């Protein structure tokens, strides 16, 4: 029996060492978890373009941003032109609805704005809870003051029951506090896009500390299957209103 004691001690040490090692997180597994693509089933607000099937996500959806068209400027006609896009009129309940218009120009005519308002009204008459209008324009950071004036003109013509939203770029976090506040005076929210096309922007995490200090209502836009490792300062910011996922065609 006396000869067994050293063996038993060595065995106990070995088992203890194995137990401690087994309980340690595997760095490779942690990295794999961080690198997993964004699962749309874990979110409740989505951008929905016309060629995407929303059925798998509608059961848990609380908010939809629906593309309705694109505005560009015709040099031939010397006026803005509109191309209808996206989903046609239908009833979507109980999700709240924003109508989204992409634009490459800030030269909108009063007639165009009135046509967009009539579209908002039409979706409302279909029994939908229409929240408002979102404008998707990639303004350069240095031209945000001009963009804010454009948004102000839209806000003045938009009926008071509709809110006004805009997509934003990560680089907007480098704008001055006064410029950001000028946007906040006319917008109900900004949705900052962390992706370009169908891919997450590689260095998006470099912008997160500045985004965490935003003092106007904002959401973070993600792309389905893209990447996202949140900065805690963002979700603790009282102005942070959640995430919106851009759905891709499967």
C-alpha atoms as a PDB file:
ATOM      1  CA  UNK A   1       0.000   0.000   0.000  1.00  0.00           C
ATOM      2  CA  UNK A   2       2.848   2.322   0.864  1.00  0.00           C
ATOM      3  CA  UNK A   3       4.225   1.919  -2.654  1.00  0.00           C
ATOM      4  CA  UNK A   4       0.930   2.931  -4.183  1.00  0.00           C
ATOM      5  CA  UNK A   5       0.867   6.383  -2.570  1.00  0.00           C
ATOM      6  CA  UNK A   6       3.298   8.083  -4.995  1.00  0.00           C
ATOM      7  CA  UNK A   7       1.373   6.588  -7.908  1.00  0.00           C
ATOM      8  CA  UNK A   8      -1.966   7.782  -6.512  1.00  0.00           C
ATOM      9  CA  UNK A   9      -0.561  11.262  -5.935  1.00  0.00           C
ATOM     10  CA  UNK A  10       0.792  11.457  -9.485  1.00  0.00           C
ATOM     11  CA  UNK A  11      -2.539  10.216 -10.853  1.00  0.00           C
ATOM     12  CA  UNK A  12      -4.461  12.825  -8.865  1.00  0.00           C
ATOM     13  CA  UNK A  13      -2.198  15.611 -10.132  1.00  0.00           C
ATOM     14  CA  UNK A  14      -2.593  14.371 -13.701  1.00  0.00           C
ATOM     15  CA  UNK A  15      -6.401  14.269 -13.434  1.00  0.00           C
ATOM     16  CA  UNK A  16      -6.481  17.736 -11.862  1.00  0.00           C
ATOM     17  CA  UNK A  17      -4.300  19.108 -14.632  1.00  0.00           C
ATOM     18  CA  UNK A  18      -6.547  17.546 -17.261  1.00  0.00           C
ATOM     19  CA  UNK A  19      -9.644  18.991 -15.581  1.00  0.00           C
ATOM     20  CA  UNK A  20      -8.216  22.510 -15.492  1.00  0.00           C
ATOM     21  CA  UNK A  21      -7.118  22.272 -19.141  1.00  0.00           C
ATOM     22  CA  UNK A  22     -10.528  20.990 -20.233  1.00  0.00           C
ATOM     23  CA  UNK A  23     -12.265  23.914 -18.539  1.00  0.00           C
ATOM     24  CA  UNK A  24     -10.156  26.531 -20.308  1.00  0.00           C
ATOM     25  CA  UNK A  25     -11.816  28.170 -23.360  1.00  0.00           C
ATOM     26  CA  UNK A  26     -10.220  27.238 -26.632  1.00  0.00           C
ATOM     27  CA  UNK A  27      -8.856  30.431 -28.264  1.00  0.00           C
ATOM     28  CA  UNK A  28      -9.541  28.960 -31.703  1.00  0.00           C
ATOM     29  CA  UNK A  29     -13.167  28.314 -30.771  1.00  0.00           C
ATOM     30  CA  UNK A  30     -13.524  31.863 -29.437  1.00  0.00           C
ATOM     31  CA  UNK A  31     -12.174  33.301 -32.665  1.00  0.00           C
ATOM     32  CA  UNK A  32     -14.498  31.059 -34.624  1.00  0.00           C
ATOM     33  CA  UNK A  33     -17.466  32.291 -32.588  1.00  0.00           C
ATOM     34  CA  UNK A  34     -16.510  35.913 -33.215  1.00  0.00           C
ATOM     35  CA  UNK A  35     -16.155  35.248 -36.931  1.00  0.00           C
ATOM     36  CA  UNK A  36     -19.581  33.690 -37.354  1.00  0.00           C
ATOM     37  CA  UNK A  37     -21.859  35.473 -39.805  1.00  0.00           C
ATOM     38  CA  UNK A  38     -24.799  37.595 -38.663  1.00  0.00           C
ATOM     39  CA  UNK A  39     -27.842  35.355 -38.225  1.00  0.00           C
ATOM     40  CA  UNK A  40     -30.957  37.273 -39.262  1.00  0.00           C
ATOM     41  CA  UNK A  41     -33.109  35.047 -37.030  1.00  0.00           C
ATOM     42  CA  UNK A  42     -31.595  36.817 -34.016  1.00  0.00           C
ATOM     43  CA  UNK A  43     -32.837  40.261 -35.090  1.00  0.00           C
ATOM     44  CA  UNK A  44     -36.208  41.955 -35.516  1.00  0.00           C
ATOM     45  CA  UNK A  45     -35.667  44.918 -37.884  1.00  0.00           C
ATOM     46  CA  UNK A  46     -34.766  44.502 -41.548  1.00  0.00           C
ATOM     47  CA  UNK A  47     -34.105  46.299 -44.802  1.00  0.00           C
ATOM     48  CA  UNK A  48     -36.085  44.476 -47.461  1.00  0.00           C
ATOM     49  CA  UNK A  49     -35.443  44.878 -51.162  1.00  0.00           C
ATOM     50  CA  UNK A  50     -37.817  43.411 -53.763  1.00  0.00           C
ATOM     51  CA  UNK A  51     -35.811  40.306 -54.705  1.00  0.00           C
ATOM     52  CA  UNK A  52     -35.622  38.888 -51.168  1.00  0.00           C
ATOM     53  CA  UNK A  53     -38.011  36.404 -49.602  1.00  0.00           C
ATOM     54  CA  UNK A  54     -38.834  37.749 -46.108  1.00  0.00           C
ATOM     55  CA  UNK A  55     -40.993  34.777 -45.073  1.00  0.00           C
ATOM     56  CA  UNK A  56     -38.444  33.091 -42.763  1.00  0.00           C
ATOM     57  CA  UNK A  57     -38.124  36.263 -40.672  1.00  0.00           C
ATOM     58  CA  UNK A  58     -41.578  37.854 -40.676  1.00  0.00           C
ATOM     59  CA  UNK A  59     -42.845  35.953 -37.637  1.00  0.00           C
ATOM     60  CA  UNK A  60     -40.438  37.840 -35.357  1.00  0.00           C
ATOM     61  CA  UNK A  61     -40.221  41.085 -37.334  1.00  0.00           C
ATOM     62  CA  UNK A  62     -41.163  44.298 -35.585  1.00  0.00           C
ATOM     63  CA  UNK A  63     -39.900  46.778 -38.192  1.00  0.00           C
ATOM     64  CA  UNK A  64     -39.332  46.724 -41.954  1.00  0.00           C
ATOM     65  CA  UNK A  65     -37.537  49.226 -44.169  1.00  0.00           C
ATOM     66  CA  UNK A  66     -38.982  48.682 -47.659  1.00  0.00           C
ATOM     67  CA  UNK A  67     -37.234  49.935 -50.772  1.00  0.00           C
ATOM     68  CA  UNK A  68     -39.643  51.805 -53.051  1.00  0.00           C
ATOM     69  CA  UNK A  69     -37.443  53.437 -55.648  1.00  0.00           C
ATOM     70  CA  UNK A  70     -34.404  55.431 -56.697  1.00  0.00           C
ATOM     71  CA  UNK A  71     -34.093  59.126 -57.549  1.00  0.00           C
ATOM     72  CA  UNK A  72     -31.422  60.381 -59.932  1.00  0.00           C
ATOM     73  CA  UNK A  73     -30.849  63.568 -61.899  1.00  0.00           C
ATOM     74  CA  UNK A  74     -31.334  63.566 -65.663  1.00  0.00           C
ATOM     75  CA  UNK A  75     -28.928  65.892 -67.443  1.00  0.00           C
ATOM     76  CA  UNK A  76     -31.042  65.564 -70.578  1.00  0.00           C
ATOM     77  CA  UNK A  77     -34.311  66.543 -68.898  1.00  0.00           C
ATOM     78  CA  UNK A  78     -32.588  68.812 -66.350  1.00  0.00           C
ATOM     79  CA  UNK A  79     -34.763  67.448 -63.565  1.00  0.00           C
ATOM     80  CA  UNK A  80     -34.891  64.562 -61.098  1.00  0.00           C
ATOM     81  CA  UNK A  81     -36.175  61.248 -62.417  1.00  0.00           C
ATOM     82  CA  UNK A  82     -37.707  58.444 -60.411  1.00  0.00           C
ATOM     83  CA  UNK A  83     -37.422  54.691 -60.965  1.00  0.00           C
ATOM     84  CA  UNK A  84     -39.858  52.519 -59.005  1.00  0.00           C
ATOM     85  CA  UNK A  85     -38.264  49.553 -57.258  1.00  0.00           C
ATOM     86  CA  UNK A  86     -38.975  47.086 -54.485  1.00  0.00           C
ATOM     87  CA  UNK A  87     -42.147  45.597 -53.052  1.00  0.00           C
ATOM     88  CA  UNK A  88     -45.589  46.555 -54.268  1.00  0.00           C
ATOM     89  CA  UNK A  89     -48.481  47.545 -52.054  1.00  0.00           C
ATOM     90  CA  UNK A  90     -49.514  44.836 -49.614  1.00  0.00           C
ATOM     91  CA  UNK A  91     -50.534  44.437 -45.990  1.00  0.00           C
ATOM     92  CA  UNK A  92     -47.780  43.505 -43.545  1.00  0.00           C
ATOM     93  CA  UNK A  93     -48.802  43.125 -39.921  1.00  0.00           C
ATOM     94  CA  UNK A  94     -47.900  43.757 -37.204  1.00  0.00           C
ATOM     95  CA  UNK A  95     -44.532  45.152 -38.304  1.00  0.00           C
ATOM     96  CA  UNK A  96     -43.935  48.885 -38.419  1.00  0.00           C
ATOM     97  CA  UNK A  97     -43.003  50.101 -41.896  1.00  0.00           C
ATOM     98  CA  UNK A  98     -40.574  52.653 -43.282  1.00  0.00           C
ATOM     99  CA  UNK A  99     -40.517  53.393 -47.020  1.00  0.00           C
ATOM    100  CA  UNK A 100     -36.978  53.781 -48.352  1.00  0.00           C
ATOM    101  CA  UNK A 101     -35.889  55.889 -51.313  1.00  0.00           C
ATOM    102  CA  UNK A 102     -32.348  55.790 -52.593  1.00  0.00           C
ATOM    103  CA  UNK A 103     -31.043  58.939 -54.218  1.00  0.00           C
ATOM    104  CA  UNK A 104     -27.933  60.151 -56.000  1.00  0.00           C
ATOM    105  CA  UNK A 105     -29.085  63.758 -56.135  1.00  0.00           C
ATOM    106  CA  UNK A 106     -30.323  66.369 -53.699  1.00  0.00           C
ATOM    107  CA  UNK A 107     -32.299  68.180 -56.398  1.00  0.00           C
ATOM    108  CA  UNK A 108     -35.801  66.958 -55.624  1.00  0.00           C
ATOM    109  CA  UNK A 109     -38.827  68.686 -57.094  1.00  0.00           C
ATOM    110  CA  UNK A 110     -41.955  69.462 -55.030  1.00  0.00           C
ATOM    111  CA  UNK A 111     -43.882  67.147 -57.384  1.00  0.00           C
ATOM    112  CA  UNK A 112     -41.563  64.252 -56.545  1.00  0.00           C
ATOM    113  CA  UNK A 113     -41.930  64.831 -52.816  1.00  0.00           C
ATOM    114  CA  UNK A 114     -45.714  64.906 -53.127  1.00  0.00           C
ATOM    115  CA  UNK A 115     -45.630  61.616 -55.074  1.00  0.00           C
ATOM    116  CA  UNK A 116     -43.621  60.026 -52.248  1.00  0.00           C
ATOM    117  CA  UNK A 117     -46.105  61.328 -49.682  1.00  0.00           C
ATOM    118  CA  UNK A 118     -48.961  59.797 -51.673  1.00  0.00           C
ATOM    119  CA  UNK A 119     -47.070  56.490 -51.592  1.00  0.00           C
ATOM    120  CA  UNK A 120     -46.776  56.695 -47.808  1.00  0.00           C
ATOM    121  CA  UNK A 121     -50.511  57.351 -47.628  1.00  0.00           C
ATOM    122  CA  UNK A 122     -51.244  54.377 -49.905  1.00  0.00           C
ATOM    123  CA  UNK A 123     -49.300  51.980 -47.683  1.00  0.00           C
ATOM    124  CA  UNK A 124     -51.143  53.434 -44.703  1.00  0.00           C
ATOM    125  CA  UNK A 125     -54.537  52.854 -46.359  1.00  0.00           C
ATOM    126  CA  UNK A 126     -53.610  49.201 -46.883  1.00  0.00           C
ATOM    127  CA  UNK A 127     -53.838  48.787 -43.135  1.00  0.00           C
ATOM    128  CA  UNK A 128     -50.128  49.108 -42.393  1.00  0.00           C
ATOM    129  CA  UNK A 129     -48.501  50.967 -39.532  1.00  0.00           C
ATOM    130  CA  UNK A 130     -46.394  53.351 -41.601  1.00  0.00           C
ATOM    131  CA  UNK A 131     -43.793  55.104 -39.458  1.00  0.00           C
ATOM    132  CA  UNK A 132     -42.268  57.300 -42.101  1.00  0.00           C
ATOM    133  CA  UNK A 133     -39.751  57.924 -44.865  1.00  0.00           C
ATOM    134  CA  UNK A 134     -36.100  56.893 -44.986  1.00  0.00           C
ATOM    135  CA  UNK A 135     -33.663  58.494 -47.436  1.00  0.00           C
ATOM    136  CA  UNK A 136     -30.608  56.522 -48.520  1.00  0.00           C
ATOM    137  CA  UNK A 137     -27.948  58.967 -49.707  1.00  0.00           C
ATOM    138  CA  UNK A 138     -24.188  58.513 -49.344  1.00  0.00           C
ATOM    139  CA  UNK A 139     -23.283  62.053 -48.416  1.00  0.00           C
ATOM    140  CA  UNK A 140     -19.598  62.813 -47.967  1.00  0.00           C
ATOM    141  CA  UNK A 141     -18.809  63.804 -44.388  1.00  0.00           C
ATOM    142  CA  UNK A 142     -17.630  67.236 -45.529  1.00  0.00           C
ATOM    143  CA  UNK A 143     -20.991  67.912 -47.205  1.00  0.00           C
ATOM    144  CA  UNK A 144     -23.266  66.952 -44.305  1.00  0.00           C
ATOM    145  CA  UNK A 145     -24.343  70.535 -43.647  1.00  0.00           C
ATOM    146  CA  UNK A 146     -25.663  70.757 -47.218  1.00  0.00           C
ATOM    147  CA  UNK A 147     -27.369  67.402 -46.748  1.00  0.00           C
ATOM    148  CA  UNK A 148     -28.965  68.614 -43.510  1.00  0.00           C
ATOM    149  CA  UNK A 149     -30.508  71.555 -45.410  1.00  0.00           C
ATOM    150  CA  UNK A 150     -31.935  69.136 -47.977  1.00  0.00           C
ATOM    151  CA  UNK A 151     -33.411  66.998 -45.200  1.00  0.00           C
ATOM    152  CA  UNK A 152     -34.878  70.108 -43.609  1.00  0.00           C
ATOM    153  CA  UNK A 153     -36.735  70.905 -46.838  1.00  0.00           C
ATOM    154  CA  UNK A 154     -38.103  67.340 -46.905  1.00  0.00           C
ATOM    155  CA  UNK A 155     -39.159  67.586 -43.275  1.00  0.00           C
ATOM    156  CA  UNK A 156     -41.052  70.828 -43.939  1.00  0.00           C
ATOM    157  CA  UNK A 157     -43.142  69.156 -46.649  1.00  0.00           C
ATOM    158  CA  UNK A 158     -43.625  65.805 -44.921  1.00  0.00           C
ATOM    159  CA  UNK A 159     -46.909  65.487 -42.984  1.00  0.00           C
ATOM    160  CA  UNK A 160     -46.352  65.532 -39.235  1.00  0.00           C
ATOM    161  CA  UNK A 161     -47.629  61.966 -38.747  1.00  0.00           C
ATOM    162  CA  UNK A 162     -44.614  60.625 -40.659  1.00  0.00           C
ATOM    163  CA  UNK A 163     -41.113  60.448 -39.221  1.00  0.00           C
ATOM    164  CA  UNK A 164     -37.932  61.062 -41.194  1.00  0.00           C
ATOM    165  CA  UNK A 165     -34.964  58.691 -41.195  1.00  0.00           C
ATOM    166  CA  UNK A 166     -31.677  58.590 -43.101  1.00  0.00           C
ATOM    167  CA  UNK A 167     -28.997  56.017 -43.636  1.00  0.00           C
ATOM    168  CA  UNK A 168     -25.524  57.108 -42.599  1.00  0.00           C
ATOM    169  CA  UNK A 169     -21.902  56.216 -43.274  1.00  0.00           C
ATOM    170  CA  UNK A 170     -19.372  55.123 -40.668  1.00  0.00           C
ATOM    171  CA  UNK A 171     -17.213  58.124 -41.524  1.00  0.00           C
ATOM    172  CA  UNK A 172     -19.969  60.465 -40.341  1.00  0.00           C
ATOM    173  CA  UNK A 173     -18.670  59.753 -36.831  1.00  0.00           C
ATOM    174  CA  UNK A 174     -15.746  62.039 -37.752  1.00  0.00           C
ATOM    175  CA  UNK A 175     -18.043  65.022 -38.346  1.00  0.00           C
ATOM    176  CA  UNK A 176     -18.169  67.885 -35.856  1.00  0.00           C
ATOM    177  CA  UNK A 177     -20.655  67.771 -32.999  1.00  0.00           C
ATOM    178  CA  UNK A 178     -22.509  70.776 -34.465  1.00  0.00           C
ATOM    179  CA  UNK A 179     -22.869  69.054 -37.839  1.00  0.00           C
ATOM    180  CA  UNK A 180     -24.274  65.920 -36.225  1.00  0.00           C
ATOM    181  CA  UNK A 181     -26.693  68.023 -34.185  1.00  0.00           C
ATOM    182  CA  UNK A 182     -27.885  69.751 -37.366  1.00  0.00           C
ATOM    183  CA  UNK A 183     -28.929  66.320 -38.619  1.00  0.00           C
ATOM    184  CA  UNK A 184     -30.552  65.549 -35.292  1.00  0.00           C
ATOM    185  CA  UNK A 185     -32.726  68.645 -35.554  1.00  0.00           C
ATOM    186  CA  UNK A 186     -34.501  67.295 -38.652  1.00  0.00           C
ATOM    187  CA  UNK A 187     -34.182  63.500 -38.355  1.00  0.00           C
ATOM    188  CA  UNK A 188     -35.946  61.120 -36.024  1.00  0.00           C
ATOM    189  CA  UNK A 189     -33.111  58.631 -36.472  1.00  0.00           C
ATOM    190  CA  UNK A 190     -29.937  57.790 -38.376  1.00  0.00           C
ATOM    191  CA  UNK A 191     -29.123  54.192 -39.306  1.00  0.00           C
ATOM    192  CA  UNK A 192     -25.339  53.845 -39.649  1.00  0.00           C
ATOM    193  CA  UNK A 193     -24.364  51.235 -42.236  1.00  0.00           C
ATOM    194  CA  UNK A 194     -21.403  49.046 -41.291  1.00  0.00           C
ATOM    195  CA  UNK A 195     -21.258  47.384 -44.701  1.00  0.00           C
ATOM    196  CA  UNK A 196     -20.718  48.177 -48.345  1.00  0.00           C
ATOM    197  CA  UNK A 197     -22.556  46.134 -50.947  1.00  0.00           C
ATOM    198  CA  UNK A 198     -22.975  42.711 -49.371  1.00  0.00           C
ATOM    199  CA  UNK A 199     -19.887  42.707 -47.127  1.00  0.00           C
ATOM    200  CA  UNK A 200     -18.996  44.184 -43.776  1.00  0.00           C
ATOM    201  CA  UNK A 201     -16.442  47.002 -44.006  1.00  0.00           C
ATOM    202  CA  UNK A 202     -13.118  45.553 -42.874  1.00  0.00           C
ATOM    203  CA  UNK A 203     -12.142  48.260 -40.385  1.00  0.00           C
ATOM    204  CA  UNK A 204     -15.625  48.968 -39.003  1.00  0.00           C
ATOM    205  CA  UNK A 205     -14.464  48.441 -35.409  1.00  0.00           C
ATOM    206  CA  UNK A 206     -12.204  51.497 -35.642  1.00  0.00           C
ATOM    207  CA  UNK A 207     -15.321  53.712 -35.820  1.00  0.00           C
ATOM    208  CA  UNK A 208     -17.232  52.161 -32.923  1.00  0.00           C
ATOM    209  CA  UNK A 209     -15.865  54.294 -30.045  1.00  0.00           C
ATOM    210  CA  UNK A 210     -16.927  57.481 -31.853  1.00  0.00           C
ATOM    211  CA  UNK A 211     -20.337  56.006 -32.683  1.00  0.00           C
ATOM    212  CA  UNK A 212     -20.761  55.197 -29.014  1.00  0.00           C
ATOM    213  CA  UNK A 213     -20.638  58.929 -28.300  1.00  0.00           C
ATOM    214  CA  UNK A 214     -23.381  59.954 -30.752  1.00  0.00           C
ATOM    215  CA  UNK A 215     -25.965  62.208 -29.126  1.00  0.00           C
ATOM    216  CA  UNK A 216     -28.833  61.815 -31.594  1.00  0.00           C
ATOM    217  CA  UNK A 217     -31.091  58.749 -32.020  1.00  0.00           C
ATOM    218  CA  UNK A 218     -29.294  56.121 -34.082  1.00  0.00           C
ATOM    219  CA  UNK A 219     -29.359  52.476 -35.083  1.00  0.00           C
ATOM    220  CA  UNK A 220     -26.611  50.255 -36.455  1.00  0.00           C
ATOM    221  CA  UNK A 221     -27.107  48.700 -39.887  1.00  0.00           C
ATOM    222  CA  UNK A 222     -25.664  45.205 -40.395  1.00  0.00           C
ATOM    223  CA  UNK A 223     -25.575  42.970 -43.454  1.00  0.00           C
ATOM    224  CA  UNK A 224     -26.853  39.409 -43.283  1.00  0.00           C
ATOM    225  CA  UNK A 225     -23.965  36.899 -42.946  1.00  0.00           C
ATOM    226  CA  UNK A 226     -21.611  39.814 -42.301  1.00  0.00           C
ATOM    227  CA  UNK A 227     -19.508  40.406 -39.193  1.00  0.00           C
ATOM    228  CA  UNK A 228     -20.297  42.250 -35.986  1.00  0.00           C
ATOM    229  CA  UNK A 229     -18.484  42.417 -32.652  1.00  0.00           C
ATOM    230  CA  UNK A 230     -20.225  45.123 -30.658  1.00  0.00           C
ATOM    231  CA  UNK A 231     -18.516  47.821 -28.620  1.00  0.00           C
ATOM    232  CA  UNK A 232     -20.219  47.982 -25.184  1.00  0.00           C
ATOM    233  CA  UNK A 233     -20.220  51.788 -25.290  1.00  0.00           C
ATOM    234  CA  UNK A 234     -22.688  51.672 -28.187  1.00  0.00           C
ATOM    235  CA  UNK A 235     -25.344  49.546 -26.537  1.00  0.00           C
ATOM    236  CA  UNK A 236     -25.046  51.575 -23.316  1.00  0.00           C
ATOM    237  CA  UNK A 237     -25.583  54.841 -25.187  1.00  0.00           C
ATOM    238  CA  UNK A 238     -29.130  56.096 -24.378  1.00  0.00           C
ATOM    239  CA  UNK A 239     -29.485  57.271 -28.005  1.00  0.00           C
ATOM    240  CA  UNK A 240     -28.861  53.767 -29.384  1.00  0.00           C
ATOM    241  CA  UNK A 241     -32.147  52.295 -30.710  1.00  0.00           C
ATOM    242  CA  UNK A 242     -31.077  48.845 -31.950  1.00  0.00           C
ATOM    243  CA  UNK A 243     -29.972  47.077 -35.112  1.00  0.00           C
ATOM    244  CA  UNK A 244     -31.296  46.813 -38.670  1.00  0.00           C
ATOM    245  CA  UNK A 245     -30.182  43.872 -40.852  1.00  0.00           C
ATOM    246  CA  UNK A 246     -29.964  44.157 -44.622  1.00  0.00           C
ATOM    247  CA  UNK A 247     -31.398  40.885 -45.940  1.00  0.00           C
ATOM    248  CA  UNK A 248     -29.617  39.208 -48.839  1.00  0.00           C
ATOM    249  CA  UNK A 249     -31.031  37.010 -51.560  1.00  0.00           C
ATOM    250  CA  UNK A 250     -30.450  33.441 -50.404  1.00  0.00           C
END
